[in-house]
């Protein structure tokens, strides 16, 4: 007798799916996956527990959908930030590194991250916390890393065509070097180091890019 009632109660009301996922992402960024309860997500999104379970099948489903949405956003703004004429490619790479000092922006329809730790890459944050024991999270995180690395590698190739980076250097290796440093900046930033220190790390990473050898 109780089952039809529960199903009725679980039917989700109309809601803005993207906004719910953006708000949930912010909550996961702030308190981590293990530190976030369904009630926390409900409070952050304004969606009741029953609606959350009906629409996303619980906390883990919300996380996976939020990570998928994050990957889509990442796949838009990173290539856009690095795209352009060959002659400006080297400076765009520098800008990419310097923007890492501020972290990865949240969606525009939710409040800014409360601190530098919450501004860290969402995919990296979840991968570090639960990726080793959650293959779906690991896969989504690697998808995000590949998106960024591909865009960075294309920008490296543009800089090589313009004569600003050693043409013998491997663009994919350099892309993953920069990606690793950028994600390391997230960790250092979350540990309370100053913006000046993070900027210095970014500039040092930029200096590592191999310039053309004089012949």
N, C-alpha and C. Protein backbone atom coordinates (compact mmCIF):
# COMPACT_ATOMS: atom_id res chain seq x y z
N UNK A 1 0.82 -1.21 0.00
CA UNK A 1 0.00 0.00 0.00
C UNK A 1 0.85 1.26 0.00
N UNK A 2 2.02 1.21 0.67
CA UNK A 2 2.83 2.42 0.77
C UNK A 2 3.61 2.73 -0.48
N UNK A 3 3.86 1.74 -1.33
CA UNK A 3 4.76 1.95 -2.47
C UNK A 3 4.24 2.97 -3.47
N UNK A 4 2.95 2.90 -3.89
CA UNK A 4 2.47 3.93 -4.83
C UNK A 4 2.59 5.33 -4.27
N UNK A 5 2.38 5.47 -2.95
CA UNK A 5 2.50 6.78 -2.32
C UNK A 5 3.92 7.29 -2.43
N UNK A 6 4.89 6.41 -2.18
CA UNK A 6 6.29 6.82 -2.25
C UNK A 6 6.67 7.21 -3.67
N UNK A 7 6.19 6.47 -4.64
CA UNK A 7 6.48 6.80 -6.03
C UNK A 7 5.89 8.15 -6.39
N UNK A 8 4.71 8.40 -5.89
CA UNK A 8 4.08 9.70 -6.15
C UNK A 8 4.89 10.82 -5.53
N UNK A 9 5.34 10.61 -4.31
CA UNK A 9 6.11 11.64 -3.63
C UNK A 9 7.45 11.88 -4.32
N UNK A 10 7.99 10.86 -5.01
CA UNK A 10 9.30 10.99 -5.63
C UNK A 10 9.26 11.66 -6.99
N UNK A 11 8.05 11.86 -7.52
CA UNK A 11 7.98 12.46 -8.85
C UNK A 11 8.54 13.88 -8.80
N UNK A 12 9.54 14.21 -9.62
CA UNK A 12 10.17 15.52 -9.52
C UNK A 12 9.29 16.63 -10.07
N UNK A 13 9.32 17.75 -9.39
CA UNK A 13 8.64 18.92 -9.91
C UNK A 13 9.50 19.52 -11.01
N UNK A 14 8.91 20.45 -11.73
CA UNK A 14 9.66 21.11 -12.80
C UNK A 14 10.82 21.90 -12.20
N UNK A 15 12.00 21.80 -12.81
CA UNK A 15 13.14 22.54 -12.29
C UNK A 15 14.14 22.78 -13.42
N UNK A 16 15.04 23.74 -13.18
CA UNK A 16 16.09 24.06 -14.14
C UNK A 16 17.24 23.08 -13.88
N UNK A 17 17.37 22.09 -14.73
CA UNK A 17 18.35 21.03 -14.51
C UNK A 17 19.78 21.57 -14.46
N UNK A 18 20.11 22.46 -15.38
CA UNK A 18 21.47 23.01 -15.40
C UNK A 18 21.78 23.74 -14.11
N UNK A 19 20.82 24.56 -13.64
CA UNK A 19 21.07 25.32 -12.40
C UNK A 19 21.25 24.37 -11.21
N UNK A 20 20.44 23.33 -11.16
CA UNK A 20 20.57 22.35 -10.07
C UNK A 20 21.97 21.72 -10.09
N UNK A 21 22.43 21.34 -11.27
CA UNK A 21 23.75 20.70 -11.37
C UNK A 21 24.87 21.69 -11.07
N UNK A 22 24.71 22.94 -11.48
CA UNK A 22 25.72 23.96 -11.17
C UNK A 22 25.80 24.18 -9.66
N UNK A 23 24.62 24.25 -9.01
CA UNK A 23 24.61 24.46 -7.56
C UNK A 23 25.18 23.24 -6.83
N UNK A 24 24.88 22.05 -7.33
CA UNK A 24 25.44 20.84 -6.73
C UNK A 24 26.95 20.80 -6.91
N UNK A 25 27.43 21.20 -8.09
CA UNK A 25 28.87 21.25 -8.32
C UNK A 25 29.54 22.17 -7.30
N UNK A 26 28.95 23.33 -7.08
CA UNK A 26 29.53 24.27 -6.11
C UNK A 26 29.59 23.63 -4.72
N UNK A 27 28.53 22.91 -4.36
CA UNK A 27 28.51 22.25 -3.05
C UNK A 27 29.60 21.18 -2.95
N UNK A 28 29.73 20.37 -3.98
CA UNK A 28 30.78 19.33 -3.98
C UNK A 28 32.17 19.96 -3.95
N UNK A 29 32.36 21.05 -4.66
CA UNK A 29 33.65 21.74 -4.64
C UNK A 29 33.98 22.22 -3.23
N UNK A 30 32.96 22.71 -2.53
CA UNK A 30 33.16 23.34 -1.23
C UNK A 30 33.37 22.32 -0.11
N UNK A 31 32.57 21.26 -0.11
CA UNK A 31 32.62 20.31 1.01
C UNK A 31 33.11 18.92 0.61
N UNK A 32 33.45 18.73 -0.66
CA UNK A 32 33.91 17.42 -1.11
C UNK A 32 32.76 16.45 -1.28
N UNK A 33 33.04 15.32 -1.92
CA UNK A 33 31.98 14.34 -2.13
C UNK A 33 31.57 13.68 -0.81
N UNK A 34 32.54 13.19 -0.07
CA UNK A 34 32.22 12.49 1.17
C UNK A 34 31.66 13.42 2.24
N UNK A 35 31.99 14.69 2.15
CA UNK A 35 31.48 15.65 3.12
C UNK A 35 30.15 16.26 2.75
N UNK A 36 29.58 15.84 1.64
CA UNK A 36 28.30 16.38 1.16
C UNK A 36 27.20 15.34 1.32
N UNK A 37 26.13 15.73 1.97
CA UNK A 37 24.98 14.83 2.13
C UNK A 37 23.90 15.18 1.11
N UNK A 38 22.93 14.30 0.96
CA UNK A 38 21.79 14.60 0.09
C UNK A 38 21.06 15.84 0.60
N UNK A 39 20.99 15.99 1.91
CA UNK A 39 20.35 17.18 2.47
C UNK A 39 21.12 18.45 2.10
N UNK A 40 22.44 18.37 2.07
CA UNK A 40 23.25 19.52 1.64
C UNK A 40 22.93 19.89 0.19
N UNK A 41 22.84 18.87 -0.66
CA UNK A 41 22.52 19.13 -2.07
C UNK A 41 21.12 19.70 -2.19
N UNK A 42 20.20 19.17 -1.42
CA UNK A 42 18.83 19.67 -1.44
C UNK A 42 18.78 21.14 -1.05
N UNK A 43 19.53 21.50 0.01
CA UNK A 43 19.56 22.90 0.46
C UNK A 43 20.22 23.79 -0.58
N UNK A 44 21.28 23.30 -1.21
CA UNK A 44 22.01 24.11 -2.19
C UNK A 44 21.22 24.32 -3.47
N UNK A 45 20.44 23.32 -3.85
CA UNK A 45 19.73 23.38 -5.13
C UNK A 45 18.29 23.81 -5.01
N UNK A 46 17.72 23.69 -3.81
CA UNK A 46 16.32 23.99 -3.64
C UNK A 46 15.41 22.86 -4.09
N UNK A 47 15.98 21.71 -4.39
CA UNK A 47 15.21 20.56 -4.85
C UNK A 47 15.08 19.56 -3.71
N UNK A 48 13.87 19.04 -3.51
CA UNK A 48 13.64 18.11 -2.43
C UNK A 48 14.35 16.78 -2.62
N UNK A 49 14.52 16.05 -1.53
CA UNK A 49 15.20 14.76 -1.59
C UNK A 49 14.54 13.81 -2.59
N UNK A 50 13.21 13.74 -2.55
CA UNK A 50 12.50 12.85 -3.45
C UNK A 50 12.74 13.20 -4.90
N UNK A 51 12.74 14.49 -5.20
CA UNK A 51 12.98 14.93 -6.58
C UNK A 51 14.41 14.64 -7.00
N UNK A 52 15.36 14.81 -6.08
CA UNK A 52 16.76 14.51 -6.40
C UNK A 52 16.94 13.03 -6.73
N UNK A 53 16.33 12.16 -5.93
CA UNK A 53 16.46 10.73 -6.20
C UNK A 53 15.75 10.34 -7.49
N UNK A 54 14.59 10.94 -7.74
CA UNK A 54 13.85 10.60 -8.96
C UNK A 54 14.57 11.08 -10.21
N UNK A 55 15.19 12.26 -10.14
CA UNK A 55 15.83 12.84 -11.32
C UNK A 55 17.25 12.33 -11.52
N UNK A 56 17.97 12.05 -10.42
CA UNK A 56 19.40 11.73 -10.54
C UNK A 56 19.80 10.42 -9.87
N UNK A 57 18.87 9.75 -9.23
CA UNK A 57 19.15 8.48 -8.56
C UNK A 57 20.13 8.65 -7.41
N UNK A 58 20.03 9.76 -6.69
CA UNK A 58 20.82 9.94 -5.49
C UNK A 58 22.07 10.79 -5.67
N UNK A 59 22.87 10.87 -4.61
CA UNK A 59 24.03 11.75 -4.58
C UNK A 59 25.05 11.40 -5.67
N UNK A 60 25.32 10.14 -5.85
CA UNK A 60 26.32 9.74 -6.85
C UNK A 60 25.87 10.11 -8.25
N UNK A 61 24.59 9.95 -8.53
CA UNK A 61 24.06 10.34 -9.83
C UNK A 61 24.17 11.84 -10.06
N UNK A 62 23.92 12.61 -9.01
CA UNK A 62 24.08 14.07 -9.12
C UNK A 62 25.53 14.40 -9.45
N UNK A 63 26.46 13.75 -8.76
CA UNK A 63 27.88 14.02 -9.01
C UNK A 63 28.26 13.72 -10.46
N UNK A 64 27.86 12.56 -10.97
CA UNK A 64 28.23 12.19 -12.33
C UNK A 64 27.65 13.17 -13.35
N UNK A 65 26.40 13.58 -13.14
CA UNK A 65 25.80 14.54 -14.06
C UNK A 65 26.47 15.90 -13.95
N UNK A 66 26.84 16.29 -12.73
CA UNK A 66 27.52 17.57 -12.54
C UNK A 66 28.89 17.54 -13.21
N UNK A 67 29.60 16.43 -13.10
CA UNK A 67 30.91 16.32 -13.75
C UNK A 67 30.78 16.32 -15.27
N UNK A 68 29.73 15.68 -15.79
CA UNK A 68 29.51 15.69 -17.24
C UNK A 68 29.24 17.10 -17.73
N UNK A 69 28.44 17.86 -16.97
CA UNK A 69 28.17 19.24 -17.34
C UNK A 69 29.41 20.11 -17.25
N UNK A 70 30.23 19.86 -16.23
CA UNK A 70 31.49 20.59 -16.09
C UNK A 70 32.40 20.32 -17.29
N UNK A 71 32.43 19.08 -17.74
CA UNK A 71 33.25 18.72 -18.90
C UNK A 71 32.81 19.49 -20.14
N UNK A 72 31.51 19.65 -20.30
CA UNK A 72 31.00 20.41 -21.45
C UNK A 72 31.45 21.86 -21.36
N UNK A 73 31.32 22.48 -20.17
CA UNK A 73 31.76 23.87 -20.00
C UNK A 73 33.26 24.00 -20.26
N UNK A 74 34.01 23.06 -19.72
CA UNK A 74 35.46 23.08 -19.89
C UNK A 74 35.83 22.96 -21.37
N UNK A 75 35.09 22.11 -22.08
CA UNK A 75 35.35 21.91 -23.50
C UNK A 75 34.99 23.10 -24.35
N UNK A 76 34.30 24.06 -23.76
CA UNK A 76 33.96 25.29 -24.48
C UNK A 76 34.94 26.41 -24.16
N UNK A 77 35.13 26.71 -22.86
CA UNK A 77 35.90 27.92 -22.56
C UNK A 77 37.41 27.74 -22.67
N UNK A 78 37.94 26.53 -22.48
CA UNK A 78 39.39 26.37 -22.63
C UNK A 78 39.82 26.50 -24.09
N UNK A 79 39.20 25.79 -25.04
CA UNK A 79 39.58 26.01 -26.44
C UNK A 79 39.37 27.44 -26.91
N UNK A 80 38.29 28.08 -26.44
CA UNK A 80 38.04 29.47 -26.82
C UNK A 80 39.15 30.38 -26.30
N UNK A 81 39.62 30.12 -25.08
CA UNK A 81 40.67 30.96 -24.49
C UNK A 81 42.01 30.78 -25.20
N UNK A 82 42.23 29.60 -25.78
CA UNK A 82 43.53 29.31 -26.39
C UNK A 82 43.52 29.45 -27.90
N UNK A 83 42.35 29.63 -28.49
CA UNK A 83 42.26 29.74 -29.95
C UNK A 83 42.67 31.13 -30.41
N UNK A 84 43.18 31.22 -31.63
CA UNK A 84 43.57 32.51 -32.19
C UNK A 84 44.69 32.37 -33.19
N UNK A 85 45.19 33.49 -33.68
CA UNK A 85 46.26 33.44 -34.68
C UNK A 85 47.56 32.90 -34.09
N UNK A 86 48.38 32.34 -34.96
CA UNK A 86 49.64 31.74 -34.51
C UNK A 86 50.52 32.74 -33.77
N UNK A 87 50.54 33.99 -34.21
CA UNK A 87 51.47 34.96 -33.62
C UNK A 87 51.16 35.30 -32.16
N UNK A 88 49.96 35.00 -31.71
CA UNK A 88 49.65 35.27 -30.30
C UNK A 88 49.59 34.03 -29.44
N UNK A 89 49.97 32.89 -30.00
CA UNK A 89 49.80 31.62 -29.29
C UNK A 89 50.63 31.54 -28.01
N UNK A 90 51.87 32.00 -28.07
CA UNK A 90 52.74 31.91 -26.89
C UNK A 90 52.17 32.72 -25.73
N UNK A 91 51.68 33.90 -26.02
CA UNK A 91 51.10 34.74 -24.97
C UNK A 91 49.80 34.13 -24.44
N UNK A 92 49.05 33.46 -25.30
CA UNK A 92 47.83 32.80 -24.83
C UNK A 92 48.16 31.65 -23.87
N UNK A 93 49.26 30.96 -24.13
CA UNK A 93 49.70 29.92 -23.20
C UNK A 93 50.06 30.52 -21.85
N UNK A 94 50.72 31.66 -21.88
CA UNK A 94 51.06 32.34 -20.62
C UNK A 94 49.79 32.75 -19.89
N UNK A 95 48.82 33.29 -20.64
CA UNK A 95 47.55 33.68 -20.02
C UNK A 95 46.82 32.50 -19.41
N UNK A 96 46.88 31.36 -20.07
CA UNK A 96 46.26 30.14 -19.55
C UNK A 96 46.87 29.78 -18.20
N UNK A 97 48.18 29.85 -18.09
CA UNK A 97 48.85 29.53 -16.83
C UNK A 97 48.53 30.54 -15.74
N UNK A 98 48.50 31.81 -16.10
CA UNK A 98 48.21 32.84 -15.10
C UNK A 98 46.77 32.76 -14.61
N UNK A 99 45.84 32.39 -15.49
CA UNK A 99 44.45 32.24 -15.06
C UNK A 99 44.30 31.07 -14.08
N UNK A 100 45.22 30.11 -14.16
CA UNK A 100 45.17 28.98 -13.23
C UNK A 100 45.36 29.43 -11.79
N UNK A 101 46.02 30.58 -11.61
CA UNK A 101 46.21 31.12 -10.26
C UNK A 101 44.87 31.39 -9.59
N UNK A 102 43.88 31.79 -10.38
CA UNK A 102 42.56 32.11 -9.85
C UNK A 102 41.66 30.90 -9.73
N UNK A 103 42.06 29.77 -10.30
CA UNK A 103 41.23 28.58 -10.27
C UNK A 103 40.31 28.52 -11.47
N UNK A 104 39.44 27.53 -11.47
CA UNK A 104 38.49 27.32 -12.57
C UNK A 104 37.17 27.98 -12.19
N UNK A 105 36.64 28.87 -13.02
CA UNK A 105 35.40 29.56 -12.65
C UNK A 105 34.20 28.63 -12.56
N UNK A 106 33.31 28.95 -11.65
CA UNK A 106 32.05 28.24 -11.55
C UNK A 106 31.10 28.78 -12.61
N UNK A 107 29.98 28.11 -12.79
CA UNK A 107 28.96 28.59 -13.72
C UNK A 107 28.45 29.95 -13.25
N UNK A 108 28.00 30.76 -14.21
CA UNK A 108 27.62 32.14 -13.91
C UNK A 108 26.36 32.25 -13.05
N UNK A 109 25.56 31.19 -12.98
CA UNK A 109 24.28 31.29 -12.27
C UNK A 109 24.35 30.87 -10.81
N UNK A 110 25.55 30.67 -10.28
CA UNK A 110 25.71 30.36 -8.86
C UNK A 110 26.75 31.31 -8.26
N UNK A 111 26.74 31.49 -6.93
CA UNK A 111 27.73 32.38 -6.31
C UNK A 111 29.15 31.90 -6.57
N UNK A 112 30.12 32.82 -6.53
CA UNK A 112 31.52 32.43 -6.73
C UNK A 112 31.98 31.43 -5.67
N UNK A 113 33.07 30.76 -5.96
CA UNK A 113 33.64 29.82 -4.99
C UNK A 113 34.00 30.57 -3.72
N UNK A 114 33.74 29.99 -2.55
CA UNK A 114 34.00 30.69 -1.29
C UNK A 114 35.48 30.84 -0.96
N UNK A 115 36.34 30.01 -1.55
CA UNK A 115 37.77 30.11 -1.28
C UNK A 115 38.54 29.46 -2.43
N UNK A 116 39.88 29.55 -2.36
CA UNK A 116 40.71 29.04 -3.45
C UNK A 116 40.59 27.52 -3.58
N UNK A 117 40.40 26.83 -2.47
CA UNK A 117 40.26 25.37 -2.53
C UNK A 117 39.03 24.98 -3.34
N UNK A 118 37.94 25.71 -3.16
CA UNK A 118 36.71 25.41 -3.88
C UNK A 118 36.79 25.83 -5.34
N UNK A 119 37.76 26.69 -5.67
CA UNK A 119 37.93 27.13 -7.06
C UNK A 119 38.81 26.18 -7.86
N UNK A 120 39.34 25.16 -7.22
CA UNK A 120 40.18 24.20 -7.93
C UNK A 120 39.37 23.44 -8.97
N UNK A 121 40.06 22.84 -9.92
CA UNK A 121 39.40 22.07 -10.97
C UNK A 121 38.48 21.02 -10.33
N UNK A 122 37.21 21.06 -10.71
CA UNK A 122 36.21 20.15 -10.15
C UNK A 122 36.57 18.69 -10.45
N UNK A 123 36.98 18.43 -11.69
CA UNK A 123 37.33 17.06 -12.07
C UNK A 123 38.51 16.54 -11.27
N UNK A 124 39.53 17.37 -11.12
CA UNK A 124 40.71 16.96 -10.35
C UNK A 124 40.36 16.74 -8.89
N UNK A 125 39.53 17.62 -8.35
CA UNK A 125 39.15 17.53 -6.95
C UNK A 125 38.43 16.21 -6.67
N UNK A 126 37.49 15.85 -7.54
CA UNK A 126 36.75 14.60 -7.35
C UNK A 126 37.64 13.39 -7.63
N UNK A 127 38.52 13.50 -8.61
CA UNK A 127 39.42 12.38 -8.91
C UNK A 127 40.34 12.09 -7.74
N UNK A 128 40.86 13.14 -7.11
CA UNK A 128 41.74 12.96 -5.96
C UNK A 128 41.00 12.34 -4.78
N UNK A 129 39.74 12.74 -4.61
CA UNK A 129 39.00 12.27 -3.45
C UNK A 129 38.50 10.83 -3.62
N UNK A 130 37.90 10.52 -4.77
CA UNK A 130 37.26 9.21 -4.90
C UNK A 130 37.57 8.49 -6.21
N UNK A 131 38.39 9.10 -7.08
CA UNK A 131 38.65 8.50 -8.38
C UNK A 131 39.26 7.12 -8.32
N UNK A 132 40.11 6.88 -7.33
CA UNK A 132 40.78 5.58 -7.23
C UNK A 132 39.81 4.44 -6.97
N UNK A 133 38.67 4.75 -6.38
CA UNK A 133 37.68 3.71 -6.05
C UNK A 133 36.40 3.84 -6.87
N UNK A 134 36.35 4.79 -7.79
CA UNK A 134 35.14 5.03 -8.58
C UNK A 134 35.53 5.20 -10.04
N UNK A 135 35.32 4.15 -10.82
CA UNK A 135 35.77 4.17 -12.21
C UNK A 135 35.03 5.20 -13.06
N UNK A 136 33.78 5.47 -12.72
CA UNK A 136 33.02 6.47 -13.49
C UNK A 136 33.57 7.87 -13.26
N UNK A 137 33.89 8.19 -12.03
CA UNK A 137 34.50 9.48 -11.72
C UNK A 137 35.87 9.57 -12.37
N UNK A 138 36.64 8.50 -12.31
CA UNK A 138 37.96 8.49 -12.94
C UNK A 138 37.85 8.74 -14.44
N UNK A 139 36.89 8.11 -15.09
CA UNK A 139 36.72 8.28 -16.54
C UNK A 139 36.33 9.72 -16.87
N UNK A 140 35.37 10.27 -16.14
CA UNK A 140 34.95 11.65 -16.40
C UNK A 140 36.08 12.63 -16.16
N UNK A 141 36.86 12.40 -15.12
CA UNK A 141 38.00 13.28 -14.84
C UNK A 141 39.02 13.21 -15.97
N UNK A 142 39.32 12.01 -16.43
CA UNK A 142 40.28 11.87 -17.53
C UNK A 142 39.77 12.50 -18.82
N UNK A 143 38.46 12.45 -19.03
CA UNK A 143 37.87 13.13 -20.19
C UNK A 143 38.15 14.63 -20.11
N UNK A 144 37.98 15.19 -18.91
CA UNK A 144 38.24 16.63 -18.72
C UNK A 144 39.71 16.95 -18.97
N UNK A 145 40.60 16.14 -18.43
CA UNK A 145 42.03 16.38 -18.62
C UNK A 145 42.40 16.30 -20.10
N UNK A 146 41.81 15.36 -20.81
CA UNK A 146 42.10 15.21 -22.24
C UNK A 146 41.62 16.42 -23.03
N UNK A 147 40.45 16.95 -22.66
CA UNK A 147 39.94 18.15 -23.33
C UNK A 147 40.92 19.31 -23.19
N UNK A 148 41.39 19.52 -21.97
CA UNK A 148 42.32 20.62 -21.72
C UNK A 148 43.64 20.38 -22.44
N UNK A 149 44.17 19.18 -22.32
CA UNK A 149 45.46 18.87 -22.94
C UNK A 149 45.41 19.02 -24.46
N UNK A 150 44.30 18.63 -25.07
CA UNK A 150 44.16 18.76 -26.52
C UNK A 150 44.20 20.22 -26.94
N UNK A 151 43.47 21.07 -26.20
CA UNK A 151 43.45 22.50 -26.53
C UNK A 151 44.82 23.13 -26.32
N UNK A 152 45.50 22.76 -25.25
CA UNK A 152 46.84 23.30 -24.98
C UNK A 152 47.82 22.84 -26.06
N UNK A 153 47.74 21.58 -26.45
CA UNK A 153 48.65 21.06 -27.49
C UNK A 153 48.46 21.79 -28.81
N UNK A 154 47.21 22.11 -29.15
CA UNK A 154 46.96 22.86 -30.38
C UNK A 154 47.57 24.25 -30.31
N UNK A 155 47.51 24.86 -29.14
CA UNK A 155 48.10 26.18 -28.97
C UNK A 155 49.63 26.10 -29.04
N UNK A 156 50.20 25.04 -28.50
CA UNK A 156 51.65 24.82 -28.61
C UNK A 156 52.05 24.68 -30.08
N UNK A 157 51.27 23.94 -30.84
CA UNK A 157 51.58 23.79 -32.27
C UNK A 157 51.53 25.13 -32.99
N UNK A 158 50.56 25.96 -32.61
CA UNK A 158 50.48 27.29 -33.22
C UNK A 158 51.72 28.11 -32.89
N UNK A 159 52.18 28.02 -31.64
CA UNK A 159 53.40 28.74 -31.25
C UNK A 159 54.62 28.19 -31.98
N UNK A 160 54.63 26.90 -32.23
CA UNK A 160 55.74 26.31 -33.00
C UNK A 160 55.72 26.82 -34.45
N UNK A 161 54.54 26.90 -35.03
CA UNK A 161 54.45 27.40 -36.40
C UNK A 161 54.93 28.84 -36.50
N UNK A 162 54.73 29.59 -35.40
CA UNK A 162 55.14 30.99 -35.39
C UNK A 162 56.61 31.15 -35.00
N UNK A 163 57.29 30.07 -34.71
CA UNK A 163 58.70 30.14 -34.36
C UNK A 163 58.98 30.51 -32.93
N UNK A 164 57.99 30.36 -32.03
CA UNK A 164 58.16 30.76 -30.64
C UNK A 164 58.52 29.60 -29.71
N UNK A 165 58.26 28.37 -30.15
CA UNK A 165 58.58 27.18 -29.36
C UNK A 165 59.36 26.23 -30.26
N UNK A 166 60.34 25.56 -29.67
CA UNK A 166 61.18 24.61 -30.38
C UNK A 166 60.32 23.65 -31.22
N UNK A 167 60.51 23.62 -32.53
CA UNK A 167 59.69 22.75 -33.38
C UNK A 167 59.91 21.26 -33.13
N UNK A 168 61.02 20.91 -32.48
CA UNK A 168 61.31 19.50 -32.20
C UNK A 168 60.63 19.02 -30.91
N UNK A 169 60.08 19.94 -30.14
CA UNK A 169 59.41 19.55 -28.90
C UNK A 169 58.08 18.88 -29.22
N UNK A 170 57.69 17.93 -28.39
CA UNK A 170 56.43 17.21 -28.59
C UNK A 170 55.28 18.03 -27.98
N UNK A 171 54.33 18.51 -28.79
CA UNK A 171 53.24 19.34 -28.26
C UNK A 171 52.40 18.64 -27.20
N UNK A 172 52.16 17.34 -27.37
CA UNK A 172 51.35 16.62 -26.39
C UNK A 172 52.07 16.49 -25.06
N UNK A 173 53.38 16.24 -25.11
CA UNK A 173 54.15 16.17 -23.86
C UNK A 173 54.14 17.51 -23.14
N UNK A 174 54.33 18.59 -23.89
CA UNK A 174 54.31 19.92 -23.28
C UNK A 174 52.93 20.24 -22.71
N UNK A 175 51.88 19.83 -23.42
CA UNK A 175 50.52 20.08 -22.94
C UNK A 175 50.28 19.40 -21.61
N UNK A 176 50.71 18.15 -21.48
CA UNK A 176 50.50 17.44 -20.22
C UNK A 176 51.43 17.96 -19.12
N UNK A 177 52.59 18.47 -19.50
CA UNK A 177 53.45 19.13 -18.51
C UNK A 177 52.74 20.34 -17.92
N UNK A 178 52.18 21.19 -18.79
CA UNK A 178 51.48 22.38 -18.31
C UNK A 178 50.23 22.01 -17.53
N UNK A 179 49.50 21.01 -18.00
CA UNK A 179 48.30 20.56 -17.29
C UNK A 179 48.66 20.08 -15.89
N UNK A 180 49.73 19.32 -15.78
CA UNK A 180 50.17 18.82 -14.47
C UNK A 180 50.54 19.97 -13.54
N UNK A 181 51.21 20.98 -14.07
CA UNK A 181 51.59 22.13 -13.25
C UNK A 181 50.35 22.91 -12.82
N UNK A 182 49.42 23.10 -13.76
CA UNK A 182 48.19 23.83 -13.44
C UNK A 182 47.41 23.13 -12.33
N UNK A 183 47.29 21.82 -12.43
CA UNK A 183 46.58 21.08 -11.38
C UNK A 183 47.38 21.12 -10.07
N UNK A 184 48.70 21.16 -10.16
CA UNK A 184 49.51 21.33 -8.96
C UNK A 184 49.31 22.68 -8.31
N UNK A 185 49.08 23.71 -9.14
CA UNK A 185 48.78 25.04 -8.61
C UNK A 185 47.50 24.99 -7.79
N UNK A 186 46.52 24.18 -8.23
CA UNK A 186 45.29 24.02 -7.44
C UNK A 186 45.60 23.50 -6.04
N UNK A 187 46.47 22.50 -5.97
CA UNK A 187 46.80 21.90 -4.68
C UNK A 187 47.54 22.89 -3.80
N UNK A 188 48.53 23.57 -4.37
CA UNK A 188 49.30 24.56 -3.60
C UNK A 188 48.40 25.71 -3.16
N UNK A 189 47.53 26.16 -4.06
CA UNK A 189 46.61 27.24 -3.72
C UNK A 189 45.66 26.86 -2.61
N UNK A 190 45.18 25.62 -2.64
CA UNK A 190 44.27 25.15 -1.61
C UNK A 190 44.96 25.01 -0.26
N UNK A 191 46.29 24.96 -0.28
CA UNK A 191 47.06 24.83 0.97
C UNK A 191 47.36 26.17 1.62
N UNK A 192 46.85 27.24 1.03
CA UNK A 192 46.97 28.55 1.65
C UNK A 192 48.12 29.41 1.17
N UNK A 193 48.81 29.00 0.12
CA UNK A 193 49.90 29.82 -0.39
C UNK A 193 49.35 31.07 -1.07
N UNK A 194 50.14 32.12 -1.07
CA UNK A 194 49.68 33.42 -1.54
C UNK A 194 49.51 33.45 -3.06
N UNK A 195 48.65 34.35 -3.56
CA UNK A 195 48.53 34.53 -5.01
C UNK A 195 49.87 34.86 -5.66
N UNK A 196 50.73 35.61 -4.95
CA UNK A 196 52.04 35.94 -5.50
C UNK A 196 52.87 34.68 -5.73
N UNK A 197 52.81 33.74 -4.80
CA UNK A 197 53.55 32.49 -4.96
C UNK A 197 52.98 31.69 -6.14
N UNK A 198 51.67 31.66 -6.27
CA UNK A 198 51.04 30.93 -7.37
C UNK A 198 51.39 31.56 -8.71
N UNK A 199 51.42 32.89 -8.75
CA UNK A 199 51.80 33.58 -9.98
C UNK A 199 53.24 33.26 -10.36
N UNK A 200 54.11 33.20 -9.36
CA UNK A 200 55.51 32.86 -9.60
C UNK A 200 55.63 31.45 -10.18
N UNK A 201 54.83 30.52 -9.68
CA UNK A 201 54.83 29.16 -10.21
C UNK A 201 54.39 29.16 -11.67
N UNK A 202 53.33 29.92 -11.96
CA UNK A 202 52.82 29.99 -13.34
C UNK A 202 53.87 30.57 -14.28
N UNK A 203 54.55 31.63 -13.85
CA UNK A 203 55.58 32.24 -14.70
C UNK A 203 56.76 31.29 -14.89
N UNK A 204 57.11 30.55 -13.86
CA UNK A 204 58.20 29.58 -13.97
C UNK A 204 57.83 28.45 -14.93
N UNK A 205 56.56 28.04 -14.89
CA UNK A 205 56.10 27.01 -15.83
C UNK A 205 56.18 27.51 -17.26
N UNK A 206 55.81 28.77 -17.46
CA UNK A 206 55.89 29.36 -18.80
C UNK A 206 57.33 29.38 -19.29
N UNK A 207 58.25 29.68 -18.39
CA UNK A 207 59.67 29.74 -18.76
C UNK A 207 60.23 28.38 -19.14
N UNK A 208 59.56 27.31 -18.74
CA UNK A 208 60.02 25.96 -19.08
C UNK A 208 59.76 25.61 -20.55
N UNK A 209 58.87 26.33 -21.20
CA UNK A 209 58.57 26.02 -22.60
C UNK A 209 59.84 26.21 -23.44
N UNK A 210 60.26 25.21 -24.18
CA UNK A 210 61.54 25.29 -24.91
C UNK A 210 61.46 26.24 -26.10
N UNK A 211 62.35 27.20 -26.12
CA UNK A 211 62.41 28.14 -27.24
C UNK A 211 63.23 27.54 -28.37
N UNK A 212 63.06 28.05 -29.58
CA UNK A 212 63.83 27.52 -30.72
C UNK A 212 65.33 27.66 -30.48
N UNK A 213 66.07 26.65 -30.88
CA UNK A 213 67.52 26.70 -30.75
C UNK A 213 68.10 27.50 -31.92
N UNK A 214 69.07 28.35 -31.61
CA UNK A 214 69.73 29.11 -32.68
C UNK A 214 70.64 28.18 -33.47
N UNK A 215 70.53 28.26 -34.76
CA UNK A 215 71.31 27.36 -35.62
C UNK A 215 72.50 28.10 -36.19
